[in-house]
Every structure is written in C-alpha cells, then in structure tokens.
Amino acid sequence: MVESSSYIPGWQISKRLQTLAEFVPDRIRVADIGGDHAFLLLHLAKQKRLKKGIVGEINRGPFENAKNRVRLMGYEEVIEVRLGDGLSVLEEGEVDAVVIAGMGGSLIANILEEGKEKLTRVRRLILQPNIGAYRVREWLRQNHFRIVAETIVEEAGILYEIIVAEPGEEDAYGRSGLPSSLLLEIGPVLWREKHPLLQRKVAEELAAKEKVYQQLAKGKSEEAVIRRKKLADELEQWRKVFTCLSGESN
C-alpha cells in the first residue's frame, strides 16, 4: 500500500481538512459527501485511522478524479468512490460518521433532510458550511442532533465554521444569555467557549448587516421600512455581542 503523498505530485491536505479530520473518531466507517478529490479520507487512511471510507460525488469529473487518486495511492480496499446525489450513495447503517463540507448551509441542510433516513444509525455529523451556518444548526435542532463541538478555521484569510453533532436532544442553547435565534447564527458552542476567532467573525457579520441596512435606507416602500426596522433590532443585538467579546478579549 502506498504510504506517501509524494506519489501524487502537489497533493497536500489543507488546514481546513486537517481540522475536519481531527473530529473524526479513529477506526470507524466514514462517508465524505461531496468529497471532491478524496483528500480527507486519504489523509485518514494514510494515518491508519480509517476503517472504511466512502466518497460521494454528484459530478462525473470530481468522481473520476477521486477514483483515480484513490487507486494511484493504493487505497481502493479502504476507500470506495460512488457517483450519486447526497446521501443517496449510502445504505442505512453503512457508516458511523458523515462529513459534508465546503458547501452552503442551505445545501447541507437539504442534503441532510433529503437523506435523513440514512442517518438513523450515524453516530456523528461533521459539517462545514461556507455560508449560512445557521441553516445547518436549525436542521440539527429540529432533527434531534445536539451540537457537541464547534470551531472556526482561518485559511487564506477566510473564516470557516465547523459544526460537530451527535444524536440527542439539544442542550447547547440554554443559559447563554442570548436569544436562540441569535445563537443559531453565532454558534452556541463558539459563544460558550468564546472561540478566539469569534470576535472577528461577529465583526464581519456586523459589517455585512450594516451594509444591507444602508442599502435598505434608500428604499421608501413599506416592505423596505419593515425590513429596515427588523434589521435595526438585529444590529443592536449584534453590537452588544461584539462589545461583550471585545471586553473579554481585553
């Protein structure tokens, strides 16, 4: 079996994927949905941490790339690459953990919803939405998955949120001092643990919302006025959060 990525010129796992890998328990069966070049599962296999891996890809090009890469690195007995949409590539009970990373939060939530019958025996979800993380948290909360860990990774100047969930009733939103609607956006564990990158994340969200508010200020319609009022209330909450985080970092 090939043990070195030097057999594949230019192969290198990113900091984001390294962090995802840290949340995968050792020696379990893992599915990486939308796994692109299969880097994550190949990394786990190289470390001898993977019992069985399945890469799911909906597009023919990435599917072929992943299949060739797995073959060239000698891991065909450990990692299977399947062509299909979302969780449809899996059989119920076939894996212990599912990774879905590098997509929008709405798409990740849709994939989970459309394939949730495949999740009845899954022990862990490891999710990394590029945007709209609150959509993922909403789905988890509504479908009896509790968030057990969250982190933020910076790569090439961009912040990526990682959400880890397991079956069980959600308890991360209680006793936080913030409304649940706000915690869905901020991240209940990120807030509780005051992640070192959370202040920057909140600052970026606050700047984006203020930009939208300024654009709405130009509108004269009744709808624009209503949206502006709602957003003004949100901005007040986000400014309080930013002030709180600023105080704790001093």
C-alpha atoms as a PDB file:
ATOM      1  CA  MET A   1       0.000   0.000   0.000  1.00  0.00           C
ATOM      2  CA  VAL A   2       1.287   3.468  -0.857  1.00  0.00           C
ATOM      3  CA  GLU A   3       2.074   5.434   2.321  1.00  0.00           C
ATOM      4  CA  SER A   4       3.398   8.694   0.907  1.00  0.00           C
ATOM      5  CA  SER A   5       1.535  11.538  -0.807  1.00  0.00           C
ATOM      6  CA  SER A   6       4.727  12.193  -2.792  1.00  0.00           C
ATOM      7  CA  TYR A   7       3.424   9.635  -5.271  1.00  0.00           C
ATOM      8  CA  ILE A   8       0.793  12.228  -6.214  1.00  0.00           C
ATOM      9  CA  PRO A   9       2.590  15.468  -7.162  1.00  0.00           C
ATOM     10  CA  GLY A  10       1.108  18.523  -5.473  1.00  0.00           C
ATOM     11  CA  TRP A  11      -1.060  16.514  -3.046  1.00  0.00           C
ATOM     12  CA  GLN A  12      -1.414  18.384   0.220  1.00  0.00           C
ATOM     13  CA  ILE A  13      -4.183  18.476   2.777  1.00  0.00           C
ATOM     14  CA  SER A  14      -5.406  21.933   3.772  1.00  0.00           C
ATOM     15  CA  LYS A  15      -5.674  23.306   7.301  1.00  0.00           C
ATOM     16  CA  ARG A  16      -9.470  23.177   6.955  1.00  0.00           C
ATOM     17  CA  LEU A  17      -9.416  19.466   6.081  1.00  0.00           C
ATOM     18  CA  GLN A  18      -6.870  18.751   8.817  1.00  0.00           C
ATOM     19  CA  THR A  19      -9.273  20.280  11.334  1.00  0.00           C
ATOM     20  CA  LEU A  20     -12.194  18.260   9.970  1.00  0.00           C
ATOM     21  CA  ALA A  21     -10.068  15.119  10.314  1.00  0.00           C
ATOM     22  CA  GLU A  22      -9.434  15.876  13.985  1.00  0.00           C
ATOM     23  CA  PHE A  23     -13.161  15.492  14.673  1.00  0.00           C
ATOM     24  CA  VAL A  24     -13.345  12.037  13.057  1.00  0.00           C
ATOM     25  CA  PRO A  25     -13.069   9.259  15.675  1.00  0.00           C
ATOM     26  CA  ASP A  26     -10.418   6.613  14.964  1.00  0.00           C
ATOM     27  CA  ARG A  27     -11.120   3.373  13.145  1.00  0.00           C
ATOM     28  CA  ILE A  28     -14.710   3.970  12.130  1.00  0.00           C
ATOM     29  CA  ARG A  29     -16.629   3.951   8.841  1.00  0.00           C
ATOM     30  CA  VAL A  30     -16.816   7.440   7.340  1.00  0.00           C
ATOM     31  CA  ALA A  31     -18.672   8.953   4.393  1.00  0.00           C
ATOM     32  CA  ASP A  32     -17.453  12.201   2.848  1.00  0.00           C
ATOM     33  CA  ILE A  33     -20.313  13.629   0.809  1.00  0.00           C
ATOM     34  CA  GLY A  34     -19.091  15.936  -1.923  1.00  0.00           C
ATOM     35  CA  GLY A  35     -15.571  14.725  -1.159  1.00  0.00           C
ATOM     36  CA  ASP A  36     -14.109  16.123  -4.384  1.00  0.00           C
ATOM     37  CA  HIS A  37     -10.558  14.699  -4.656  1.00  0.00           C
ATOM     38  CA  ALA A  38     -10.977  12.373  -1.633  1.00  0.00           C
ATOM     39  CA  PHE A  39      -8.239  14.238   0.243  1.00  0.00           C
ATOM     40  CA  LEU A  40      -9.912  13.931   3.660  1.00  0.00           C
ATOM     41  CA  LEU A  41     -10.399  10.167   3.579  1.00  0.00           C
ATOM     42  CA  LEU A  42      -6.986   9.600   2.010  1.00  0.00           C
ATOM     43  CA  HIS A  43      -5.451  11.583   4.852  1.00  0.00           C
ATOM     44  CA  LEU A  44      -7.277   9.429   7.426  1.00  0.00           C
ATOM     45  CA  ALA A  45      -6.297   6.237   5.588  1.00  0.00           C
ATOM     46  CA  LYS A  46      -2.634   7.290   5.476  1.00  0.00           C
ATOM     47  CA  GLN A  47      -2.747   7.759   9.240  1.00  0.00           C
ATOM     48  CA  LYS A  48      -4.321   4.283   9.603  1.00  0.00           C
ATOM     49  CA  ARG A  49      -7.321   5.915  11.285  1.00  0.00           C
ATOM     50  CA  LEU A  50      -9.932   4.799   8.757  1.00  0.00           C
ATOM     51  CA  LYS A  51     -11.810   1.509   8.979  1.00  0.00           C
ATOM     52  CA  LYS A  52     -13.808   2.122   5.794  1.00  0.00           C
ATOM     53  CA  GLY A  53     -14.392   5.227   3.706  1.00  0.00           C
ATOM     54  CA  ILE A  54     -16.993   6.222   1.118  1.00  0.00           C
ATOM     55  CA  VAL A  55     -16.618   9.309  -1.035  1.00  0.00           C
ATOM     56  CA  GLY A  56     -19.869  10.539  -2.589  1.00  0.00           C
ATOM     57  CA  GLU A  57     -19.766  12.816  -5.645  1.00  0.00           C
ATOM     58  CA  ILE A  58     -22.638  14.047  -7.778  1.00  0.00           C
ATOM     59  CA  ASN A  59     -20.492  15.292 -10.684  1.00  0.00           C
ATOM     60  CA  ARG A  60     -18.721  12.939 -13.074  1.00  0.00           C
ATOM     61  CA  GLY A  61     -15.443  14.919 -13.225  1.00  0.00           C
ATOM     62  CA  PRO A  62     -14.718  15.027  -9.468  1.00  0.00           C
ATOM     63  CA  PHE A  63     -15.954  11.426  -9.201  1.00  0.00           C
ATOM     64  CA  GLU A  64     -13.363  10.248 -11.748  1.00  0.00           C
ATOM     65  CA  ASN A  65     -10.639  12.399 -10.148  1.00  0.00           C
ATOM     66  CA  ALA A  66     -11.324  10.954  -6.715  1.00  0.00           C
ATOM     67  CA  LYS A  67     -11.464   7.392  -8.018  1.00  0.00           C
ATOM     68  CA  ASN A  68      -8.138   7.773  -9.848  1.00  0.00           C
ATOM     69  CA  ARG A  69      -6.469   9.370  -6.837  1.00  0.00           C
ATOM     70  CA  VAL A  70      -7.602   6.582  -4.504  1.00  0.00           C
ATOM     71  CA  ARG A  71      -6.324   3.997  -6.995  1.00  0.00           C
ATOM     72  CA  LEU A  72      -2.958   5.725  -7.501  1.00  0.00           C
ATOM     73  CA  MET A  73      -2.379   5.953  -3.746  1.00  0.00           C
ATOM     74  CA  GLY A  74      -3.275   2.308  -3.246  1.00  0.00           C
ATOM     75  CA  TYR A  75      -6.311   2.642  -1.001  1.00  0.00           C
ATOM     76  CA  GLU A  76      -9.016   1.009  -3.119  1.00  0.00           C
ATOM     77  CA  GLU A  77      -9.628  -1.659  -0.461  1.00  0.00           C
ATOM     78  CA  VAL A  78     -10.304   1.011   2.164  1.00  0.00           C
ATOM     79  CA  ILE A  79     -11.983   3.850   0.238  1.00  0.00           C
ATOM     80  CA  GLU A  80     -14.843   3.449  -2.238  1.00  0.00           C
ATOM     81  CA  VAL A  81     -15.863   6.316  -4.519  1.00  0.00           C
ATOM     82  CA  ARG A  82     -19.522   6.437  -5.556  1.00  0.00           C
ATOM     83  CA  LEU A  83     -21.388   8.600  -8.041  1.00  0.00           C
ATOM     84  CA  GLY A  84     -24.679   9.951  -6.735  1.00  0.00           C
ATOM     85  CA  ASP A  85     -26.652  12.780  -5.153  1.00  0.00           C
ATOM     86  CA  GLY A  86     -26.079  13.490  -1.475  1.00  0.00           C
ATOM     87  CA  LEU A  87     -26.770  10.668   0.970  1.00  0.00           C
ATOM     88  CA  SER A  88     -28.344   8.519  -1.756  1.00  0.00           C
ATOM     89  CA  VAL A  89     -24.908   6.911  -2.217  1.00  0.00           C
ATOM     90  CA  LEU A  90     -25.241   5.296   1.229  1.00  0.00           C
ATOM     91  CA  GLU A  91     -27.158   2.372   2.644  1.00  0.00           C
ATOM     92  CA  GLU A  92     -28.737   2.749   6.067  1.00  0.00           C
ATOM     93  CA  GLY A  93     -26.281   1.711   8.781  1.00  0.00           C
ATOM     94  CA  GLU A  94     -23.346   1.615   6.373  1.00  0.00           C
ATOM     95  CA  VAL A  95     -21.286   4.351   8.072  1.00  0.00           C
ATOM     96  CA  ASP A  96     -20.706   5.670  11.573  1.00  0.00           C
ATOM     97  CA  ALA A  97     -19.908   9.289  10.652  1.00  0.00           C
ATOM     98  CA  VAL A  98     -20.832  11.611   7.808  1.00  0.00           C
ATOM     99  CA  VAL A  99     -18.778  14.595   6.688  1.00  0.00           C
ATOM    100  CA  ILE A 100     -20.325  17.299   4.485  1.00  0.00           C
ATOM    101  CA  ALA A 101     -18.003  20.228   3.889  1.00  0.00           C
ATOM    102  CA  GLY A 102     -17.362  23.124   1.548  1.00  0.00           C
ATOM    103  CA  MET A 103     -20.988  23.881   0.623  1.00  0.00           C
ATOM    104  CA  GLY A 104     -23.564  26.486   1.553  1.00  0.00           C
ATOM    105  CA  GLY A 105     -25.524  25.908   4.733  1.00  0.00           C
ATOM    106  CA  SER A 106     -28.836  25.622   2.893  1.00  0.00           C
ATOM    107  CA  LEU A 107     -27.435  22.922   0.601  1.00  0.00           C
ATOM    108  CA  ILE A 108     -26.013  20.956   3.532  1.00  0.00           C
ATOM    109  CA  ALA A 109     -29.369  21.165   5.335  1.00  0.00           C
ATOM    110  CA  ASN A 110     -31.160  19.997   2.174  1.00  0.00           C
ATOM    111  CA  ILE A 111     -28.792  17.040   1.783  1.00  0.00           C
ATOM    112  CA  LEU A 112     -29.412  16.022   5.397  1.00  0.00           C
ATOM    113  CA  GLU A 113     -33.175  16.439   5.054  1.00  0.00           C
ATOM    114  CA  GLU A 114     -33.482  14.515   1.792  1.00  0.00           C
ATOM    115  CA  GLY A 115     -31.369  11.649   3.119  1.00  0.00           C
ATOM    116  CA  LYS A 116     -32.242  11.646   6.805  1.00  0.00           C
ATOM    117  CA  GLU A 117     -33.466   8.052   6.703  1.00  0.00           C
ATOM    118  CA  LYS A 118     -29.798   7.139   6.105  1.00  0.00           C
ATOM    119  CA  LEU A 119     -28.783   8.845   9.371  1.00  0.00           C
ATOM    120  CA  THR A 120     -30.704   6.703  11.867  1.00  0.00           C
ATOM    121  CA  ARG A 121     -27.555   4.826  12.947  1.00  0.00           C
ATOM    122  CA  VAL A 122     -24.973   7.522  12.296  1.00  0.00           C
ATOM    123  CA  ARG A 123     -23.043   8.449  15.446  1.00  0.00           C
ATOM    124  CA  ARG A 124     -21.545  11.757  14.300  1.00  0.00           C
ATOM    125  CA  LEU A 125     -22.072  14.511  11.734  1.00  0.00           C
ATOM    126  CA  ILE A 126     -19.113  16.751  10.865  1.00  0.00           C
ATOM    127  CA  LEU A 127     -20.347  19.733   8.878  1.00  0.00           C
ATOM    128  CA  GLN A 128     -18.542  22.725   7.401  1.00  0.00           C
ATOM    129  CA  PRO A 129     -20.826  25.276   5.737  1.00  0.00           C
ATOM    130  CA  ASN A 130     -19.115  28.033   3.750  1.00  0.00           C
ATOM    131  CA  ILE A 131     -22.047  30.373   4.409  1.00  0.00           C
ATOM    132  CA  GLY A 132     -25.409  30.149   6.162  1.00  0.00           C
ATOM    133  CA  ALA A 133     -24.267  28.033   9.112  1.00  0.00           C
ATOM    134  CA  TYR A 134     -27.490  28.915  10.943  1.00  0.00           C
ATOM    135  CA  ARG A 135     -29.406  26.799   8.401  1.00  0.00           C
ATOM    136  CA  VAL A 136     -27.349  23.786   9.457  1.00  0.00           C
ATOM    137  CA  ARG A 137     -27.900  24.484  13.147  1.00  0.00           C
ATOM    138  CA  GLU A 138     -31.647  24.871  12.556  1.00  0.00           C
ATOM    139  CA  TRP A 139     -31.794  21.474  10.862  1.00  0.00           C
ATOM    140  CA  LEU A 140     -29.797  19.801  13.630  1.00  0.00           C
ATOM    141  CA  ARG A 141     -32.019  21.289  16.316  1.00  0.00           C
ATOM    142  CA  GLN A 142     -35.222  20.251  14.542  1.00  0.00           C
ATOM    143  CA  ASN A 143     -33.997  16.712  13.892  1.00  0.00           C
ATOM    144  CA  HIS A 144     -32.713  15.736  17.347  1.00  0.00           C
ATOM    145  CA  PHE A 145     -28.990  16.187  16.834  1.00  0.00           C
ATOM    146  CA  ARG A 146     -27.095  18.045  19.523  1.00  0.00           C
ATOM    147  CA  ILE A 147     -24.030  20.154  18.814  1.00  0.00           C
ATOM    148  CA  VAL A 148     -21.064  18.719  20.731  1.00  0.00           C
ATOM    149  CA  ALA A 149     -18.287  20.878  19.271  1.00  0.00           C
ATOM    150  CA  GLU A 150     -17.753  23.919  17.085  1.00  0.00           C
ATOM    151  CA  THR A 151     -14.661  25.687  15.859  1.00  0.00           C
ATOM    152  CA  ILE A 152     -13.531  28.309  13.364  1.00  0.00           C
ATOM    153  CA  VAL A 153     -10.620  27.799  10.984  1.00  0.00           C
ATOM    154  CA  GLU A 154      -8.886  30.596   9.093  1.00  0.00           C
ATOM    155  CA  GLU A 155      -7.494  29.717   5.690  1.00  0.00           C
ATOM    156  CA  ALA A 156      -6.324  32.181   3.029  1.00  0.00           C
ATOM    157  CA  GLY A 157      -7.928  34.976   5.041  1.00  0.00           C
ATOM    158  CA  ILE A 158     -11.352  33.309   5.092  1.00  0.00           C
ATOM    159  CA  LEU A 159     -13.094  32.031   8.225  1.00  0.00           C
ATOM    160  CA  TYR A 160     -14.714  28.593   8.049  1.00  0.00           C
ATOM    161  CA  GLU A 161     -17.076  27.244  10.708  1.00  0.00           C
ATOM    162  CA  ILE A 162     -17.080  23.565  11.614  1.00  0.00           C
ATOM    163  CA  ILE A 163     -20.069  22.069  13.443  1.00  0.00           C
ATOM    164  CA  VAL A 164     -19.958  18.613  15.043  1.00  0.00           C
ATOM    165  CA  ALA A 165     -23.214  16.978  16.099  1.00  0.00           C
ATOM    166  CA  GLU A 166     -24.369  13.673  17.552  1.00  0.00           C
ATOM    167  CA  PRO A 167     -27.831  12.154  18.119  1.00  0.00           C
ATOM    168  CA  GLY A 168     -29.549  13.553  21.197  1.00  0.00           C
ATOM    169  CA  GLU A 169     -31.649  16.417  22.432  1.00  0.00           C
ATOM    170  CA  GLU A 170     -30.051  19.833  22.033  1.00  0.00           C
ATOM    171  CA  ASP A 171     -28.837  21.488  25.215  1.00  0.00           C
ATOM    172  CA  ALA A 172     -26.269  23.975  23.879  1.00  0.00           C
ATOM    173  CA  TYR A 173     -28.723  26.876  23.640  1.00  0.00           C
ATOM    174  CA  GLY A 174     -29.728  27.139  27.276  1.00  0.00           C
ATOM    175  CA  ARG A 175     -28.391  29.510  29.927  1.00  0.00           C
ATOM    176  CA  SER A 176     -26.345  31.528  27.444  1.00  0.00           C
ATOM    177  CA  GLY A 177     -27.911  34.933  27.995  1.00  0.00           C
ATOM    178  CA  LEU A 178     -28.589  35.261  24.253  1.00  0.00           C
ATOM    179  CA  PRO A 179     -31.762  34.523  22.258  1.00  0.00           C
ATOM    180  CA  SER A 180     -31.759  31.162  20.474  1.00  0.00           C
ATOM    181  CA  SER A 181     -32.311  32.929  17.144  1.00  0.00           C
ATOM    182  CA  LEU A 182     -29.031  34.805  17.630  1.00  0.00           C
ATOM    183  CA  LEU A 183     -27.154  31.712  18.828  1.00  0.00           C
ATOM    184  CA  LEU A 184     -28.180  29.884  15.658  1.00  0.00           C
ATOM    185  CA  GLU A 185     -26.134  32.449  13.742  1.00  0.00           C
ATOM    186  CA  ILE A 186     -23.267  32.876  16.190  1.00  0.00           C
ATOM    187  CA  GLY A 187     -22.909  29.241  17.225  1.00  0.00           C
ATOM    188  CA  PRO A 188     -23.859  28.150  20.757  1.00  0.00           C
ATOM    189  CA  VAL A 189     -20.576  26.346  21.490  1.00  0.00           C
ATOM    190  CA  LEU A 190     -18.484  29.068  19.848  1.00  0.00           C
ATOM    191  CA  TRP A 191     -20.226  31.557  22.148  1.00  0.00           C
ATOM    192  CA  ARG A 192     -19.955  29.424  25.277  1.00  0.00           C
ATOM    193  CA  GLU A 193     -16.249  28.785  24.733  1.00  0.00           C
ATOM    194  CA  LYS A 194     -15.572  32.304  23.399  1.00  0.00           C
ATOM    195  CA  HIS A 195     -13.563  30.982  20.464  1.00  0.00           C
ATOM    196  CA  PRO A 196     -10.564  33.262  19.730  1.00  0.00           C
ATOM    197  CA  LEU A 197     -11.798  33.920  16.173  1.00  0.00           C
ATOM    198  CA  LEU A 198     -15.400  34.561  17.188  1.00  0.00           C
ATOM    199  CA  GLN A 199     -14.910  38.301  17.683  1.00  0.00           C
ATOM    200  CA  ARG A 200     -13.624  38.613  14.123  1.00  0.00           C
ATOM    201  CA  LYS A 201     -16.496  36.501  12.810  1.00  0.00           C
ATOM    202  CA  VAL A 202     -19.024  38.697  14.623  1.00  0.00           C
ATOM    203  CA  ALA A 203     -17.308  41.831  13.300  1.00  0.00           C
ATOM    204  CA  GLU A 204     -17.597  40.530   9.722  1.00  0.00           C
ATOM    205  CA  GLU A 205     -21.279  39.623  10.200  1.00  0.00           C
ATOM    206  CA  LEU A 206     -21.949  43.017  11.761  1.00  0.00           C
ATOM    207  CA  ALA A 207     -20.287  44.830   8.848  1.00  0.00           C
ATOM    208  CA  ALA A 208     -22.329  42.823   6.328  1.00  0.00           C
ATOM    209  CA  LYS A 209     -25.596  43.563   8.125  1.00  0.00           C
ATOM    210  CA  GLU A 210     -24.754  47.276   8.388  1.00  0.00           C
ATOM    211  CA  LYS A 211     -24.118  47.363   4.643  1.00  0.00           C
ATOM    212  CA  VAL A 212     -27.541  45.834   3.985  1.00  0.00           C
ATOM    213  CA  TYR A 213     -29.116  48.321   6.393  1.00  0.00           C
ATOM    214  CA  GLN A 214     -27.571  51.224   4.489  1.00  0.00           C
ATOM    215  CA  GLN A 215     -28.934  49.850   1.231  1.00  0.00           C
ATOM    216  CA  LEU A 216     -32.412  49.462   2.759  1.00  0.00           C
ATOM    217  CA  ALA A 217     -32.268  53.052   3.987  1.00  0.00           C
ATOM    218  CA  LYS A 218     -32.611  54.149   0.367  1.00  0.00           C
ATOM    219  CA  GLY A 219     -35.880  52.278  -0.044  1.00  0.00           C
ATOM    220  CA  LYS A 220     -39.183  54.050   0.519  1.00  0.00           C
ATOM    221  CA  SER A 221     -41.582  51.128   0.165  1.00  0.00           C
ATOM    222  CA  GLU A 222     -43.486  49.720   3.119  1.00  0.00           C
ATOM    223  CA  GLU A 223     -41.586  46.456   2.758  1.00  0.00           C
ATOM    224  CA  ALA A 224     -38.227  48.268   2.929  1.00  0.00           C
ATOM    225  CA  VAL A 225     -39.330  50.143   6.045  1.00  0.00           C
ATOM    226  CA  ILE A 226     -40.394  46.894   7.769  1.00  0.00           C
ATOM    227  CA  ARG A 227     -37.168  45.134   6.820  1.00  0.00           C
ATOM    228  CA  ARG A 228     -35.122  48.108   7.978  1.00  0.00           C
ATOM    229  CA  LYS A 229     -36.838  48.097  11.380  1.00  0.00           C
ATOM    230  CA  LYS A 230     -36.253  44.363  11.807  1.00  0.00           C
ATOM    231  CA  LEU A 231     -32.612  44.688  10.782  1.00  0.00           C
ATOM    232  CA  ALA A 232     -32.109  47.638  13.151  1.00  0.00           C
ATOM    233  CA  ASP A 233     -33.183  45.404  16.039  1.00  0.00           C
ATOM    234  CA  GLU A 234     -30.765  42.693  14.860  1.00  0.00           C
ATOM    235  CA  LEU A 235     -27.929  45.197  14.592  1.00  0.00           C
ATOM    236  CA  GLU A 236     -28.488  46.287  18.175  1.00  0.00           C
ATOM    237  CA  GLN A 237     -28.142  42.673  19.339  1.00  0.00           C
ATOM    238  CA  TRP A 238     -25.013  42.055  17.258  1.00  0.00           C
ATOM    239  CA  ARG A 239     -23.365  45.245  18.533  1.00  0.00           C
ATOM    240  CA  LYS A 240     -23.970  44.113  22.113  1.00  0.00           C
ATOM    241  CA  VAL A 241     -22.393  40.743  21.310  1.00  0.00           C
ATOM    242  CA  PHE A 242     -19.378  42.429  19.720  1.00  0.00           C
ATOM    243  CA  THR A 243     -18.973  44.733  22.730  1.00  0.00           C
ATOM    244  CA  CYS A 244     -19.149  41.752  25.089  1.00  0.00           C
ATOM    245  CA  LEU A 245     -16.491  39.851  23.118  1.00  0.00           C
ATOM    246  CA  SER A 246     -14.306  42.945  22.912  1.00  0.00           C
ATOM    247  CA  GLY A 247     -14.435  43.321  26.681  1.00  0.00           C
ATOM    248  CA  GLU A 248     -13.467  39.681  27.254  1.00  0.00           C
ATOM    249  CA  SER A 249     -10.512  39.894  24.855  1.00  0.00           C
ATOM    250  CA  ASN A 250      -9.007  42.872  26.730  1.00  0.00           C
END
